[in-house]
Amino acid sequence: MAAPKKGRRQSAPGKPGRSLAFILIALVALTGGMFLSGNTTPRLGIDLAGGTSITLQAKNEPGQKNAINPTNMNTAVSIINNRVNGLGVSEAEVQTQGEDNIIVNIPKGTNEKQAREQVGTTAQLYFRPVLTVASGEPTPEPSASSSGKDKDKDKADPDKATEKGDDKASSTPTASDSPTSQGRAVTDGLKADATPTPKASDKGSDKDDKASPTPTPSADPATAALQKKFTELDCTDKAQRGKVGDGIKPSEQTVACGKNNAGQWEKYVLGPAELNGKDVDDAKATINQQSGAWVVNMDFTSGGSKKFSKTTSKLSQQQPPMNQFAIVLDGEVASAPSVNTTLSANAEISGSFTQESAQDLANILSYGALPLTFHEQSVTTVSPALGGEQLHAGLIAGAIGLALVIIYLVVYYRGLSLIAIASLLVSAALTYTLMTLLGPAISFTLNLPAVCGAIVAIGITADSFIVFFERVRDEIREGRTLRPAVERAWPRARRTILVSDFVSFLAAAVLFIVTVGKVQGFAFTLGLTTLLDVVVVFFFTKPLMTLMARKKFFANGHKWSGLDPKRLGAKPPLRRTRRATGSAAGPVDPKEA
């Protein structure tokens, strides 16, 4: 006897309770994370919250070529972003547009004049000698100097002034100062190519000190005010780091912050600037052929070479930490290598570099050397009232679109619309919580195009439900009951949903890559909601449909369930009337079949 032919394999019902529990746990976790983070609303873009949008255009100075390139533009974006955030604008957006434009979006509540001054100037890069270094935290004041009157008397004589809280260092660092790890990379030594005559004095010394046998970058590392600023400076505080160099001229001593090799903040007293970024001709991150380690090679201009040789000649005769020079970018120490010999036209900074840290330092040095200036191309002010009106209009449009979708589902699918509406609510909750959490995580801002992307996503999500429901209804039209119809319809509906969502996600990804500015918000939101559609359909809609198929209201095909066989024009269940009887059974009347 021949074995019966196997029909198409039916999809197993699985365990819908587990999938529903998973999506519920995920939703509770995201909601809890949203409230714990303190952010319960998405971060709004400048077009919704209001503020100032500044367009900067990079310009080449005469005699310079290829200064405007992706590396330098990205470095400029990073520097401008740090500057604006230093003003307390944590939600500012800084991004490139095209090959030579930078867009700076500053939300409301910021000093616009100060912000424009910060973003419109070229980064300041200086080479300063290190005079004193200490831990980046505030130094406790010693009890011996607790009396204000005695302190003022002591400070009346600059030679007797001492730094607060540092009983190991006097106001003038000496050879007994213990060396410490400085900056982001501490050098084992710098290579020299020339040895000029040492300079006997510097900008910070008095005329009577020119005959000193051991020249120092400055006779007094700080005035009384600078001492107080250095002692109280807390480099772990971002706000203090942003204001540490305010109003300081290159010819004046200053304090600064920087990280050592261990990633810990340290504070410095620095002498007057000996060189600036324009004295650097080029800087590259390369691998030392002998040691195999990453190093940074610097080439100076002819004028910068003379300045650098004089500076390194003085520093090489000093004891740590006064044999170091600090590379200061916008008031922060990027690196503080030590000098063991006199240098001139080029130098090699070596130390504990990785490829990334070496390239970062080389980019900083190169950017400071390039004559890359920015001109304000346009400044646009967006009022909060206009942004509120746009948001209000966008929300109304979204509500209208959602209402029309719900009306269609209720009219056409009746009881099944409850499953679709529940799925839409879950999708909306996941989208909202993710947008809120992505604000502080990746600086995602909800602008008007992003709102449009979310509105479009409503139709994409509803389309997935319709595909699944129609597949189930097709199975019922063929004479199957609801439970097997759901499981047989799911594999075919699943393929259609995945293909459709893949096309939508691919379009969003391409749009995000090839566009800039606010259009990326539309693409990002569209891609995010498309992924969430897959999650909701697989882990909520289908399991919920499986559970509802076990309820009499849907299983018996109630006329308001949306699955009424008569309303759908279902065929009679022919397989139930056929009987495999013996010869005693007569022929079956086709009408009765």
Protein backbone atom coordinates (compact mmCIF):
# COMPACT_ATOMS: atom_id res chain seq x y z
CA MET A 1 0.00 0.00 0.00
CA ALA A 2 1.49 3.32 -1.03
CA ALA A 3 2.23 5.82 1.63
CA PRO A 4 0.04 8.91 1.57
CA LYS A 5 1.56 11.99 0.02
CA LYS A 6 2.79 14.57 2.42
CA GLY A 7 1.27 17.98 2.08
CA ARG A 8 2.95 21.28 2.75
CA ARG A 9 4.43 21.42 6.20
CA GLN A 10 2.36 23.44 8.56
CA SER A 11 3.98 26.09 10.73
CA ALA A 12 4.08 25.09 14.37
CA PRO A 13 2.12 27.29 16.75
CA GLY A 14 5.11 27.62 19.06
CA LYS A 15 4.73 29.25 22.45
CA PRO A 16 3.12 32.65 21.98
CA GLY A 17 3.20 33.42 25.69
CA ARG A 18 6.99 33.58 25.70
CA SER A 19 7.12 36.03 22.80
CA LEU A 20 4.54 38.29 24.41
CA ALA A 21 6.45 38.16 27.70
CA PHE A 22 9.66 39.11 25.88
CA ILE A 23 8.15 42.18 24.23
CA LEU A 24 6.51 43.20 27.52
CA ILE A 25 9.82 42.92 29.43
CA ALA A 26 11.60 44.92 26.73
CA LEU A 27 8.98 47.65 26.87
CA VAL A 28 9.11 47.84 30.68
CA ALA A 29 12.93 47.96 30.63
CA LEU A 30 13.03 50.76 28.06
CA THR A 31 10.39 52.75 29.92
CA GLY A 32 12.23 52.28 33.22
CA GLY A 33 15.51 53.35 31.62
CA MET A 34 13.81 56.44 30.26
CA PHE A 35 12.58 57.52 33.69
CA LEU A 36 15.86 56.63 35.42
CA SER A 37 17.82 58.74 32.95
CA GLY A 38 15.68 61.75 33.82
CA ASN A 39 14.70 62.31 30.18
CA THR A 40 11.03 61.67 29.56
CA THR A 41 10.72 63.54 26.27
CA PRO A 42 12.73 63.23 23.05
CA ARG A 43 15.39 65.84 22.37
CA LEU A 44 13.94 68.36 19.96
CA GLY A 45 15.86 69.74 17.01
CA ILE A 46 16.40 73.40 16.34
CA ASP A 47 13.43 73.57 13.96
CA LEU A 48 11.09 72.49 16.77
CA ALA A 49 12.76 73.94 19.88
CA GLY A 50 14.01 77.15 18.26
CA GLY A 51 17.54 78.56 18.30
CA THR A 52 20.28 79.67 15.93
CA SER A 53 21.67 77.90 12.86
CA ILE A 54 25.09 79.04 11.62
CA THR A 55 26.59 77.96 8.30
CA LEU A 56 30.40 78.24 8.14
CA GLN A 57 32.34 77.98 4.90
CA ALA A 58 36.00 76.97 4.93
CA LYS A 59 38.39 79.10 2.88
CA ASN A 60 41.93 78.53 1.66
CA GLU A 61 44.31 81.38 2.28
CA PRO A 62 46.46 82.63 -0.63
CA GLY A 63 49.35 80.35 -1.51
CA GLN A 64 47.85 77.26 0.15
CA LYS A 65 46.29 74.26 -1.57
CA ASN A 66 44.41 71.17 -0.44
CA ALA A 67 43.94 72.58 3.07
CA ILE A 68 40.22 71.79 2.87
CA ASN A 69 39.99 68.01 3.09
CA PRO A 70 37.80 65.52 5.00
CA THR A 71 40.39 65.02 7.76
CA ASN A 72 40.70 68.70 8.56
CA MET A 73 36.95 69.29 8.23
CA ASN A 74 36.22 66.49 10.71
CA THR A 75 38.86 67.87 13.07
CA ALA A 76 37.25 71.31 12.81
CA VAL A 77 33.85 69.79 13.60
CA SER A 78 35.29 68.17 16.73
CA ILE A 79 36.94 71.40 17.88
CA ILE A 80 33.87 73.55 17.25
CA ASN A 81 31.68 70.99 19.00
CA ASN A 82 33.94 71.13 22.08
CA ARG A 83 33.86 74.91 22.01
CA VAL A 84 30.09 75.18 21.82
CA ASN A 85 29.62 72.52 24.48
CA GLY A 86 32.04 74.48 26.65
CA LEU A 87 29.39 77.19 26.72
CA GLY A 88 27.00 74.72 28.35
CA VAL A 89 25.15 73.84 25.13
CA SER A 90 25.05 70.07 25.44
CA GLU A 91 22.46 69.72 22.68
CA ALA A 92 24.29 71.63 19.95
CA GLU A 93 24.63 69.96 16.56
CA VAL A 94 27.85 70.40 14.56
CA GLN A 95 28.17 68.56 11.26
CA THR A 96 29.70 68.94 7.83
CA GLN A 97 27.66 69.75 4.75
CA GLY A 98 29.26 69.11 1.42
CA GLU A 99 33.02 69.52 1.06
CA ASP A 100 33.60 72.92 2.66
CA ASN A 101 30.62 73.81 4.86
CA ILE A 102 29.97 73.22 8.55
CA ILE A 103 26.48 73.61 10.02
CA VAL A 104 26.22 74.59 13.68
CA ASN A 105 22.74 74.35 15.22
CA ILE A 106 22.51 75.92 18.66
CA PRO A 107 19.21 75.49 20.55
CA LYS A 108 17.58 78.34 22.40
CA GLY A 109 18.85 79.52 25.77
CA THR A 110 22.40 80.24 24.59
CA ASN A 111 24.33 83.50 24.29
CA GLU A 112 24.19 83.71 20.51
CA LYS A 113 26.87 86.40 20.24
CA GLN A 114 29.32 84.40 22.31
CA ALA A 115 28.50 81.23 20.40
CA ARG A 116 29.14 82.92 17.06
CA GLU A 117 32.51 84.13 18.30
CA GLN A 118 33.41 80.62 19.44
CA VAL A 119 32.49 78.81 16.24
CA GLY A 120 33.74 81.43 13.79
CA THR A 121 37.42 81.53 14.73
CA THR A 122 40.23 79.14 13.85
CA ALA A 123 41.46 76.80 16.59
CA GLN A 124 44.31 78.20 18.72
CA LEU A 125 47.33 75.91 19.02
CA TYR A 126 50.31 76.89 21.17
CA PHE A 127 53.54 75.32 22.42
CA ARG A 128 54.17 76.38 26.02
CA PRO A 129 56.92 75.32 28.47
CA VAL A 130 55.71 73.37 31.51
CA LEU A 131 56.50 75.06 34.83
CA THR A 132 54.49 73.04 37.33
CA VAL A 133 52.28 69.97 37.24
CA ALA A 134 50.01 68.43 39.84
CA SER A 135 46.96 66.21 40.19
CA GLY A 136 43.91 67.54 38.40
CA GLU A 137 41.84 67.79 41.59
CA PRO A 138 41.78 70.90 43.82
CA THR A 139 44.78 71.09 46.16
CA PRO A 140 43.87 71.34 49.89
CA GLU A 141 45.06 74.53 51.50
CA PRO A 142 47.78 73.94 54.14
CA SER A 143 47.04 75.08 57.68
CA ALA A 144 50.20 77.15 57.78
CA SER A 145 48.74 79.57 55.29
CA SER A 146 45.21 79.63 56.74
CA SER A 147 45.59 83.17 58.01
CA GLY A 148 44.58 85.60 55.31
CA LYS A 149 46.73 88.41 56.69
CA ASP A 150 49.87 86.28 56.93
CA LYS A 151 49.23 84.92 53.46
CA ASP A 152 48.98 88.43 52.04
CA LYS A 153 52.24 89.36 53.69
CA ASP A 154 53.99 86.33 52.28
CA LYS A 155 52.62 86.95 48.83
CA ALA A 156 53.87 90.53 48.92
CA ASP A 157 57.28 89.09 48.09
CA PRO A 158 57.03 87.08 44.83
CA ASP A 159 60.21 85.09 45.64
CA LYS A 160 58.56 83.73 48.81
CA ALA A 161 55.21 82.91 47.32
CA THR A 162 54.29 79.25 47.46
CA GLU A 163 51.67 77.15 45.71
CA LYS A 164 48.75 76.13 47.90
CA GLY A 165 48.56 72.57 49.03
CA ASP A 166 51.75 71.36 47.32
CA ASP A 167 54.47 70.92 49.93
CA LYS A 168 56.68 69.12 47.40
CA ALA A 169 56.99 72.02 44.94
CA SER A 170 58.01 75.61 45.49
CA SER A 171 56.86 78.54 43.40
CA THR A 172 59.86 77.95 41.16
CA PRO A 173 60.12 74.26 40.23
CA THR A 174 63.57 72.80 40.72
CA ALA A 175 65.42 69.69 39.73
CA SER A 176 64.08 67.91 42.79
CA ASP A 177 60.55 67.91 41.37
CA SER A 178 59.58 64.32 40.68
CA PRO A 179 58.68 63.53 37.04
CA THR A 180 55.15 62.52 36.23
CA SER A 181 53.35 61.17 33.23
CA GLN A 182 52.18 64.16 31.24
CA GLY A 183 49.51 64.67 28.64
CA ARG A 184 48.21 62.00 26.32
CA ALA A 185 51.66 60.78 25.36
CA VAL A 186 54.87 61.08 27.35
CA THR A 187 57.91 60.85 25.17
CA ASP A 188 60.99 58.78 25.78
CA GLY A 189 62.90 61.48 23.90
CA LEU A 190 62.73 63.68 20.87
CA LYS A 191 65.03 63.32 17.88
CA ALA A 192 67.21 66.32 16.96
CA ASP A 193 68.67 67.51 13.70
CA ALA A 194 70.43 70.67 14.82
CA THR A 195 71.90 72.22 17.98
CA PRO A 196 71.55 75.99 18.18
CA THR A 197 72.93 78.20 20.89
CA PRO A 198 70.92 78.04 24.11
CA LYS A 199 68.81 81.03 24.94
CA ALA A 200 69.83 82.71 28.16
CA SER A 201 66.51 84.25 29.06
CA ASP A 202 62.88 84.22 28.04
CA LYS A 203 59.75 86.28 28.05
CA GLY A 204 58.94 85.61 31.66
CA SER A 205 62.35 86.55 33.16
CA ASP A 206 63.58 89.90 34.44
CA LYS A 207 66.51 91.63 32.79
CA ASP A 208 68.73 90.94 35.80
CA ASP A 209 68.22 87.21 35.37
CA LYS A 210 69.90 86.98 31.97
CA ALA A 211 73.16 85.83 33.52
CA SER A 212 71.56 82.93 35.32
CA PRO A 213 73.61 79.78 34.64
CA THR A 214 70.49 77.64 34.42
CA PRO A 215 67.87 79.39 32.28
CA THR A 216 64.24 78.66 33.14
CA PRO A 217 61.06 79.33 31.19
CA SER A 218 59.95 81.76 33.90
CA ALA A 219 61.44 83.09 37.10
CA ASP A 220 58.10 82.87 38.89
CA PRO A 221 55.63 80.18 37.76
CA ALA A 222 52.59 82.20 38.80
CA THR A 223 51.48 85.45 40.24
CA ALA A 224 49.37 85.39 43.39
CA ALA A 225 46.18 85.28 41.30
CA LEU A 226 47.54 82.52 39.08
CA GLN A 227 48.65 80.56 42.15
CA LYS A 228 45.16 80.76 43.58
CA LYS A 229 43.63 79.71 40.25
CA PHE A 230 46.03 76.77 39.95
CA THR A 231 45.40 75.59 43.50
CA GLU A 232 41.62 75.73 43.24
CA LEU A 233 41.43 74.33 39.69
CA ASP A 234 39.47 71.09 39.38
CA CYS A 235 40.24 69.53 35.99
CA THR A 236 37.65 66.81 36.55
CA ASP A 237 34.96 69.52 36.28
CA LYS A 238 34.06 70.09 32.61
CA ALA A 239 32.79 73.60 33.28
CA GLN A 240 36.09 74.66 34.87
CA ARG A 241 38.11 73.14 32.03
CA GLY A 242 36.10 75.17 29.51
CA LYS A 243 36.89 78.47 31.26
CA VAL A 244 40.46 77.82 32.36
CA GLY A 245 42.10 79.83 29.57
CA ASP A 246 39.57 82.64 29.19
CA GLY A 247 41.20 86.02 28.58
CA ILE A 248 44.76 84.67 28.64
CA LYS A 249 47.10 86.07 25.99
CA PRO A 250 49.84 83.94 24.38
CA SER A 251 52.49 86.11 26.05
CA GLU A 252 51.11 85.44 29.54
CA GLN A 253 51.50 82.51 31.88
CA THR A 254 48.42 80.36 32.30
CA VAL A 255 47.02 77.19 33.82
CA ALA A 256 45.69 74.27 31.78
CA CYS A 257 44.35 70.74 32.08
CA GLY A 258 45.34 67.52 30.32
CA LYS A 259 45.20 63.75 30.69
CA ASN A 260 48.18 61.52 31.43
CA ASN A 261 48.82 58.04 30.05
CA ALA A 262 46.56 56.51 32.70
CA GLY A 263 43.66 58.68 31.55
CA GLN A 264 43.74 60.82 34.72
CA TRP A 265 43.38 64.58 34.65
CA GLU A 266 46.39 66.71 35.60
CA LYS A 267 46.74 70.47 35.87
CA TYR A 268 49.65 72.55 34.69
CA VAL A 269 51.21 75.96 35.13
CA LEU A 270 52.52 76.91 31.70
CA GLY A 271 54.87 79.65 30.60
CA PRO A 272 54.32 82.10 27.74
CA ALA A 273 53.77 80.55 24.32
CA GLU A 274 57.02 79.99 22.42
CA LEU A 275 55.35 78.78 19.18
CA ASN A 276 51.85 78.59 17.73
CA GLY A 277 50.09 76.33 15.28
CA LYS A 278 51.17 78.33 12.24
CA ASP A 279 54.80 77.41 12.96
CA VAL A 280 54.01 73.74 12.24
CA ASP A 281 54.31 72.84 8.57
CA ASP A 282 53.02 69.25 8.80
CA ALA A 283 52.50 66.37 11.20
CA LYS A 284 52.01 62.69 10.42
CA ALA A 285 51.42 59.52 12.40
CA THR A 286 53.91 56.86 11.33
CA ILE A 287 55.53 53.67 12.62
CA ASN A 288 59.10 53.89 13.85
CA GLN A 289 61.08 51.37 11.81
CA GLN A 290 63.42 50.52 14.70
CA SER A 291 61.00 50.19 17.59
CA GLY A 292 57.89 49.31 15.60
CA ALA A 293 55.87 51.75 17.72
CA TRP A 294 53.56 54.52 16.56
CA VAL A 295 55.11 58.00 16.62
CA VAL A 296 54.16 61.50 15.46
CA ASN A 297 56.58 63.33 13.16
CA MET A 298 56.40 67.12 13.11
CA ASP A 299 57.89 69.40 10.46
CA PHE A 300 58.26 73.10 11.23
CA THR A 301 58.38 76.09 8.96
CA SER A 302 61.66 77.98 8.65
CA GLY A 303 60.57 80.53 11.24
CA GLY A 304 59.07 77.86 13.46
CA SER A 305 62.27 75.82 13.26
CA LYS A 306 64.30 78.67 14.74
CA LYS A 307 61.82 79.23 17.53
CA PHE A 308 61.59 75.51 18.31
CA SER A 309 65.35 75.06 18.43
CA LYS A 310 65.73 77.91 20.93
CA THR A 311 62.92 76.53 23.09
CA THR A 312 64.16 72.94 23.12
CA SER A 313 67.71 74.13 23.80
CA LYS A 314 66.52 75.72 27.03
CA LEU A 315 64.21 72.87 28.01
CA SER A 316 66.81 70.15 27.47
CA GLN A 317 68.93 71.68 30.26
CA GLN A 318 66.11 71.58 32.81
CA GLN A 319 65.02 68.89 35.23
CA PRO A 320 61.57 67.28 35.07
CA PRO A 321 58.93 68.56 34.77
CA MET A 322 60.49 71.79 33.46
CA ASN A 323 62.08 69.96 30.52
CA GLN A 324 58.65 69.45 28.98
CA PHE A 325 56.70 71.54 26.50
CA ALA A 326 52.92 71.39 26.37
CA ILE A 327 51.01 71.23 23.10
CA VAL A 328 47.93 73.29 24.04
CA LEU A 329 44.84 73.24 21.84
CA ASP A 330 42.08 75.67 22.79
CA GLY A 331 43.34 75.81 26.37
CA GLU A 332 43.67 72.04 26.88
CA VAL A 333 46.96 70.13 26.94
CA ALA A 334 46.85 67.59 24.12
CA SER A 335 50.35 66.26 24.89
CA ALA A 336 53.31 67.26 27.06
CA PRO A 337 56.46 65.49 25.80
CA SER A 338 59.83 65.89 27.51
CA VAL A 339 62.94 67.15 25.71
CA ASN A 340 66.28 65.40 26.06
CA THR A 341 68.17 67.24 23.33
CA THR A 342 68.00 70.33 21.15
CA LEU A 343 65.63 70.15 18.19
CA SER A 344 65.13 72.21 15.08
CA ALA A 345 63.22 71.71 11.81
CA ASN A 346 61.56 68.42 12.70
CA ALA A 347 60.86 66.27 15.71
CA GLU A 348 59.52 62.85 16.52
CA ILE A 349 57.14 62.44 19.44
CA SER A 350 57.29 58.88 20.73
CA GLY A 351 55.66 57.15 23.67
CA SER A 352 52.63 55.03 24.51
CA PHE A 353 50.79 55.75 21.27
CA THR A 354 48.16 53.62 19.61
CA GLN A 355 47.39 54.13 15.94
CA GLU A 356 44.27 56.09 16.81
CA SER A 357 45.90 58.35 19.43
CA ALA A 358 48.87 59.04 17.14
CA GLN A 359 46.59 59.99 14.25
CA ASP A 360 44.47 62.17 16.54
CA LEU A 361 47.52 64.11 17.76
CA ALA A 362 48.86 64.43 14.20
CA ASN A 363 45.49 65.79 13.03
CA ILE A 364 45.48 68.31 15.87
CA LEU A 365 48.97 69.51 15.00
CA SER A 366 48.25 69.61 11.28
CA TYR A 367 45.00 71.49 11.76
CA GLY A 368 46.68 74.07 13.91
CA ALA A 369 49.27 74.54 11.19
CA LEU A 370 46.87 74.80 8.26
CA PRO A 371 45.49 78.22 7.31
CA LEU A 372 41.94 76.88 7.41
CA THR A 373 39.63 79.73 8.26
CA PHE A 374 35.84 79.88 8.32
CA HIS A 375 33.52 82.61 7.17
CA GLU A 376 29.90 82.91 8.22
CA GLN A 377 27.85 82.13 5.15
CA SER A 378 24.48 82.51 6.83
CA VAL A 379 22.94 82.87 10.28
CA THR A 380 19.31 81.85 10.73
CA THR A 381 17.28 82.42 13.87
CA VAL A 382 14.37 80.06 14.48
CA SER A 383 11.88 81.30 17.03
CA PRO A 384 10.45 78.86 19.59
CA ALA A 385 6.95 79.91 18.52
CA LEU A 386 7.58 78.84 14.94
CA GLY A 387 9.10 75.57 16.12
CA GLY A 388 6.11 74.95 18.37
CA GLU A 389 3.73 75.57 15.50
CA GLN A 390 5.62 73.12 13.31
CA LEU A 391 5.58 70.47 16.02
CA HIS A 392 1.88 71.08 16.63
CA ALA A 393 1.14 70.75 12.92
CA GLY A 394 3.24 67.60 12.68
CA LEU A 395 1.45 66.00 15.63
CA ILE A 396 -1.95 66.88 14.13
CA ALA A 397 -0.91 65.31 10.82
CA GLY A 398 0.24 62.19 12.64
CA ALA A 399 -2.98 61.99 14.63
CA ILE A 400 -5.07 62.35 11.48
CA GLY A 401 -3.09 59.65 9.70
CA LEU A 402 -3.36 57.30 12.67
CA ALA A 403 -7.12 57.96 12.99
CA LEU A 404 -7.70 57.19 9.31
CA VAL A 405 -5.75 53.94 9.60
CA ILE A 406 -7.73 52.91 12.68
CA ILE A 407 -11.07 53.75 11.01
CA TYR A 408 -10.11 51.65 7.99
CA LEU A 409 -9.06 48.72 10.19
CA VAL A 410 -12.28 48.84 12.24
CA VAL A 411 -14.54 49.07 9.19
CA TYR A 412 -12.82 46.42 7.13
CA TYR A 413 -11.38 44.00 9.71
CA ARG A 414 -13.79 44.51 12.63
CA GLY A 415 -12.59 42.31 15.49
CA LEU A 416 -9.14 41.86 13.98
CA SER A 417 -8.68 45.63 14.28
CA LEU A 418 -8.20 45.15 18.04
CA ILE A 419 -5.05 43.14 17.35
CA ALA A 420 -3.83 45.76 14.86
CA ILE A 421 -4.52 48.69 17.23
CA ALA A 422 -2.76 46.92 20.09
CA SER A 423 0.24 46.31 17.81
CA LEU A 424 0.27 49.98 16.77
CA LEU A 425 0.26 51.07 20.41
CA VAL A 426 3.18 48.77 21.23
CA SER A 427 5.08 50.05 18.21
CA ALA A 428 4.41 53.66 19.21
CA ALA A 429 5.57 53.02 22.80
CA LEU A 430 8.80 51.38 21.62
CA THR A 431 9.46 54.21 19.16
CA TYR A 432 8.90 56.91 21.76
CA THR A 433 11.09 55.34 24.43
CA LEU A 434 13.91 54.61 21.99
CA MET A 435 13.84 58.16 20.61
CA THR A 436 14.00 59.52 24.14
CA LEU A 437 16.91 57.27 25.14
CA LEU A 438 18.83 57.86 21.90
CA GLY A 439 18.86 61.61 22.57
CA PRO A 440 21.58 61.58 25.27
CA ALA A 441 23.10 58.34 23.94
CA ILE A 442 23.89 59.32 20.33
CA SER A 443 22.67 62.96 20.27
CA PHE A 444 19.57 62.03 18.28
CA THR A 445 17.26 65.00 17.88
CA LEU A 446 13.65 64.88 16.79
CA ASN A 447 13.26 67.45 14.04
CA LEU A 448 10.36 68.02 11.66
CA PRO A 449 11.62 65.60 8.97
CA ALA A 450 12.01 62.96 11.69
CA VAL A 451 8.39 63.49 12.67
CA CYS A 452 7.46 62.97 9.01
CA GLY A 453 9.42 59.72 9.03
CA ALA A 454 7.44 58.54 12.05
CA ILE A 455 4.15 59.40 10.29
CA VAL A 456 5.18 57.45 7.19
CA ALA A 457 6.05 54.51 9.45
CA ILE A 458 2.42 54.25 10.54
CA GLY A 459 1.49 53.16 7.03
CA ILE A 460 4.40 50.70 6.86
CA THR A 461 3.37 49.09 10.14
CA ALA A 462 -0.29 48.90 9.15
CA ASP A 463 0.70 47.33 5.84
CA SER A 464 2.37 44.44 7.69
CA PHE A 465 -0.84 43.72 9.63
CA ILE A 466 -2.90 43.81 6.46
CA VAL A 467 -0.61 41.31 4.72
CA PHE A 468 -0.90 38.88 7.63
CA PHE A 469 -4.66 39.29 8.03
CA GLU A 470 -5.32 38.78 4.32
CA ARG A 471 -3.25 35.60 4.29
CA VAL A 472 -5.31 34.25 7.18
CA ARG A 473 -8.56 35.18 5.45
CA ASP A 474 -7.37 33.45 2.26
CA GLU A 475 -6.83 30.23 4.21
CA ILE A 476 -10.33 30.50 5.68
CA ARG A 477 -11.79 30.99 2.18
CA GLU A 478 -10.19 27.68 1.24
CA GLY A 479 -12.23 25.97 3.95
CA ARG A 480 -9.81 25.77 6.87
CA THR A 481 -10.65 26.57 10.44
CA LEU A 482 -8.96 29.53 12.13
CA ARG A 483 -6.17 27.86 14.13
CA PRO A 484 -4.60 25.94 11.22
CA ALA A 485 -5.32 28.93 8.96
CA VAL A 486 -3.18 31.20 11.17
CA GLU A 487 -0.24 28.79 11.20
CA ARG A 488 -0.42 28.09 7.45
CA ALA A 489 -0.75 31.78 6.59
CA TRP A 490 2.18 32.94 8.72
CA PRO A 491 5.11 31.56 6.62
CA ARG A 492 3.86 33.21 3.44
CA ALA A 493 2.95 36.46 5.20
CA ARG A 494 6.33 36.47 6.97
CA ARG A 495 8.26 36.37 3.69
CA THR A 496 6.19 39.21 2.23
CA ILE A 497 6.62 41.35 5.36
CA LEU A 498 10.38 40.82 5.48
CA VAL A 499 10.84 41.68 1.80
CA SER A 500 8.71 44.81 2.14
CA ASP A 501 10.49 46.00 5.28
CA PHE A 502 13.89 45.22 3.78
CA VAL A 503 13.15 47.47 0.82
CA SER A 504 11.98 50.27 3.14
CA PHE A 505 15.05 49.90 5.37
CA LEU A 506 17.39 49.84 2.38
CA ALA A 507 15.85 53.06 1.06
CA ALA A 508 16.23 54.68 4.50
CA ALA A 509 19.88 53.55 4.77
CA VAL A 510 20.77 54.91 1.34
CA LEU A 511 19.00 58.17 2.09
CA PHE A 512 20.85 58.49 5.39
CA ILE A 513 24.25 57.94 3.75
CA VAL A 514 23.88 60.20 0.71
CA THR A 515 22.12 63.12 2.43
CA VAL A 516 23.17 65.58 5.11
CA GLY A 517 21.44 67.75 7.64
CA LYS A 518 17.82 67.38 8.59
CA VAL A 519 16.99 64.89 5.84
CA GLN A 520 19.08 62.38 7.76
CA GLY A 521 16.57 62.71 10.60
CA PHE A 522 13.82 61.50 8.28
CA ALA A 523 15.97 58.59 7.07
CA PHE A 524 17.01 57.59 10.59
CA THR A 525 13.46 57.61 11.93
CA LEU A 526 12.18 55.67 8.94
CA GLY A 527 14.88 53.03 9.36
CA LEU A 528 14.30 52.78 13.11
CA THR A 529 10.54 52.35 12.80
CA THR A 530 10.98 49.79 10.01
CA LEU A 531 13.12 47.64 12.29
CA LEU A 532 10.60 48.04 15.08
CA ASP A 533 7.86 46.92 12.69
CA VAL A 534 9.64 43.59 12.23
CA VAL A 535 10.06 43.20 15.99
CA VAL A 536 6.41 44.01 16.74
CA VAL A 537 4.98 41.74 14.02
CA PHE A 538 7.16 38.77 14.98
CA PHE A 539 7.03 39.08 18.77
CA PHE A 540 3.61 40.64 19.36
CA THR A 541 1.17 40.56 16.43
CA LYS A 542 1.65 36.93 15.42
CA PRO A 543 1.70 35.51 19.00
CA LEU A 544 -1.37 37.58 19.87
CA MET A 545 -3.14 36.29 16.77
CA THR A 546 -2.30 32.72 17.80
CA LEU A 547 -3.86 33.28 21.22
CA MET A 548 -6.96 34.97 19.79
CA ALA A 549 -7.49 32.03 17.43
CA ARG A 550 -8.19 29.91 20.50
CA LYS A 551 -11.04 32.19 21.59
CA LYS A 552 -14.57 31.26 20.54
CA PHE A 553 -15.32 34.77 19.28
CA PHE A 554 -12.67 34.43 16.55
CA ALA A 555 -12.53 30.62 16.21
CA ASN A 556 -16.28 30.31 15.54
CA GLY A 557 -16.17 33.08 12.96
CA HIS A 558 -18.45 35.61 14.68
CA LYS A 559 -19.85 38.11 12.21
CA TRP A 560 -18.01 40.95 14.05
CA SER A 561 -14.73 39.06 14.29
CA GLY A 562 -13.67 39.89 10.76
CA LEU A 563 -13.28 36.16 10.09
CA ASP A 564 -16.89 35.16 9.28
CA PRO A 565 -16.62 32.32 6.68
CA LYS A 566 -19.91 33.28 5.03
CA ARG A 567 -18.89 36.92 4.72
CA LEU A 568 -15.52 35.85 3.28
CA GLY A 569 -17.17 33.46 0.79
CA ALA A 570 -15.49 30.37 2.21
CA LYS A 571 -15.79 27.05 0.35
CA PRO A 572 -17.59 24.15 2.01
CA PRO A 573 -15.25 21.89 3.97
CA LEU A 574 -15.10 19.14 1.31
CA ARG A 575 -12.58 17.06 3.23
CA ARG A 576 -14.97 16.52 6.10
CA THR A 577 -17.71 14.91 3.90
CA ARG A 578 -15.49 12.50 2.08
CA ARG A 579 -15.39 8.98 3.54
CA ALA A 580 -12.91 6.26 2.69
CA THR A 581 -15.52 3.44 3.00
CA GLY A 582 -15.44 -0.04 1.51
CA SER A 583 -17.50 -1.42 -1.36
CA ALA A 584 -20.70 -1.08 0.67
CA ALA A 585 -20.52 2.66 0.34
CA GLY A 586 -22.30 4.00 -2.65
CA PRO A 587 -21.17 6.85 -4.83
CA VAL A 588 -21.17 10.29 -3.32
CA ASP A 589 -23.58 12.79 -4.75
CA PRO A 590 -21.55 15.77 -5.97
CA LYS A 591 -24.12 18.18 -4.60
CA GLU A 592 -23.89 16.64 -1.14
CA ALA A 593 -20.10 16.75 -1.33
